[in-house]
Amino acid sequence: MPERSSSAGVSRPPPQATTIGALISTWHYLVEWHPNWEGTSCALFGPACSDIWFRTWGFSTLAFMALCGFVSIIVYNTVTFPPPVEQEPS
């Protein structure tokens, strides 16, 4: 996927990549809370997807933090602000 370029020269990830990352993070977060939703694919390559590496404040896990990061990127790349209005000197 090609990267989009902003007017300031900072390249941004395409929205499809961040959306896919957010969907995967959402799925992983839900599987952590409902281990019976997990299929057999996670068990083939290592620890189960429902394994919780840590949980802070009772809800914040690694998958939740990744989801927050992806959502922040999506919001940052989609919200636009109008340019400042220059006032004429009086």
Protein backbone atom coordinates (compact mmCIF):
# COMPACT_ATOMS: atom_id res chain seq x y z
CA MET A 1 0.00 0.00 0.00
CA PRO A 2 1.42 3.37 -0.90
CA GLU A 3 1.71 5.96 1.80
CA ARG A 4 -0.22 9.20 1.62
CA SER A 5 1.75 12.38 1.96
CA SER A 6 0.50 15.38 3.90
CA SER A 7 1.20 18.97 3.00
CA ALA A 8 3.84 19.22 5.73
CA GLY A 9 5.86 16.40 4.19
CA VAL A 10 4.97 13.88 6.91
CA SER A 11 3.91 10.55 5.46
CA ARG A 12 0.81 9.00 6.96
CA PRO A 13 -0.21 5.35 6.93
CA PRO A 14 -3.11 4.51 4.64
CA PRO A 15 -6.46 4.32 6.43
CA GLN A 16 -6.90 0.66 5.44
CA ALA A 17 -3.83 -0.40 7.44
CA THR A 18 -4.93 1.36 10.60
CA THR A 19 -8.49 0.08 10.22
CA ILE A 20 -7.27 -3.50 9.85
CA GLY A 21 -5.03 -3.03 12.91
CA ALA A 22 -7.97 -1.67 14.91
CA LEU A 23 -10.14 -4.64 13.90
CA ILE A 24 -7.44 -7.14 14.90
CA SER A 25 -6.91 -5.35 18.23
CA THR A 26 -10.67 -5.35 18.87
CA TRP A 27 -10.87 -9.08 18.17
CA HIS A 28 -7.90 -9.80 20.43
CA TYR A 29 -9.36 -7.67 23.24
CA LEU A 30 -12.72 -9.46 23.00
CA VAL A 31 -11.02 -12.88 23.01
CA GLU A 32 -9.15 -11.89 26.18
CA TRP A 33 -12.47 -11.27 27.93
CA HIS A 34 -14.31 -14.24 26.35
CA PRO A 35 -11.76 -17.10 25.95
CA ASN A 36 -14.44 -19.47 24.65
CA TRP A 37 -14.60 -17.37 21.43
CA GLU A 38 -11.02 -18.33 20.61
CA GLY A 39 -10.58 -20.79 17.77
CA THR A 40 -7.76 -23.26 17.31
CA SER A 41 -5.57 -21.10 15.07
CA CYS A 42 -3.86 -19.26 17.96
CA ALA A 43 -2.75 -22.48 19.63
CA LEU A 44 -0.69 -23.53 16.59
CA PHE A 45 2.05 -20.93 16.96
CA GLY A 46 2.59 -20.24 20.63
CA PRO A 47 0.61 -18.83 23.53
CA ALA A 48 -3.14 -18.66 23.20
CA CYS A 49 -4.76 -15.43 22.02
CA SER A 50 -6.75 -15.35 25.24
CA ASP A 51 -3.58 -15.22 27.36
CA ILE A 52 -3.41 -11.89 29.17
CA TRP A 53 0.14 -10.59 29.52
CA PHE A 54 -0.95 -7.92 31.99
CA ARG A 55 -4.11 -6.07 32.99
CA THR A 56 -3.87 -2.58 34.45
CA TRP A 57 -6.81 -0.91 36.22
CA GLY A 58 -8.85 -4.05 35.62
CA PHE A 59 -9.42 -3.49 31.89
CA SER A 60 -6.34 -2.08 30.14
CA THR A 61 -4.41 -4.82 28.36
CA LEU A 62 -1.87 -4.77 25.55
CA ALA A 63 -4.63 -5.32 22.98
CA PHE A 64 -6.64 -2.43 24.45
CA MET A 65 -3.65 -0.09 24.28
CA ALA A 66 -3.04 -1.10 20.65
CA LEU A 67 -6.70 -0.42 19.88
CA CYS A 68 -6.44 3.04 21.46
CA GLY A 69 -3.36 3.75 19.38
CA PHE A 70 -5.03 2.69 16.12
CA VAL A 71 -8.17 4.69 16.89
CA SER A 72 -6.02 7.73 17.71
CA ILE A 73 -4.22 7.44 14.37
CA ILE A 74 -7.52 7.08 12.50
CA VAL A 75 -8.99 10.13 14.23
CA TYR A 76 -5.82 12.17 13.71
CA ASN A 77 -5.76 11.36 9.99
CA THR A 78 -9.47 11.99 9.37
CA VAL A 79 -10.23 15.08 11.45
CA THR A 80 -9.47 18.28 9.60
CA PHE A 81 -9.27 21.76 10.97
CA PRO A 82 -9.97 24.87 8.94
CA PRO A 83 -6.96 27.06 8.21
CA PRO A 84 -6.60 30.06 10.49
CA VAL A 85 -8.23 33.21 9.21
CA GLU A 86 -5.77 36.03 8.78
CA GLN A 87 -7.07 39.39 9.86
CA GLU A 88 -6.18 42.49 7.90
CA PRO A 89 -4.22 45.08 9.84
CA SER A 90 -6.35 48.07 10.73
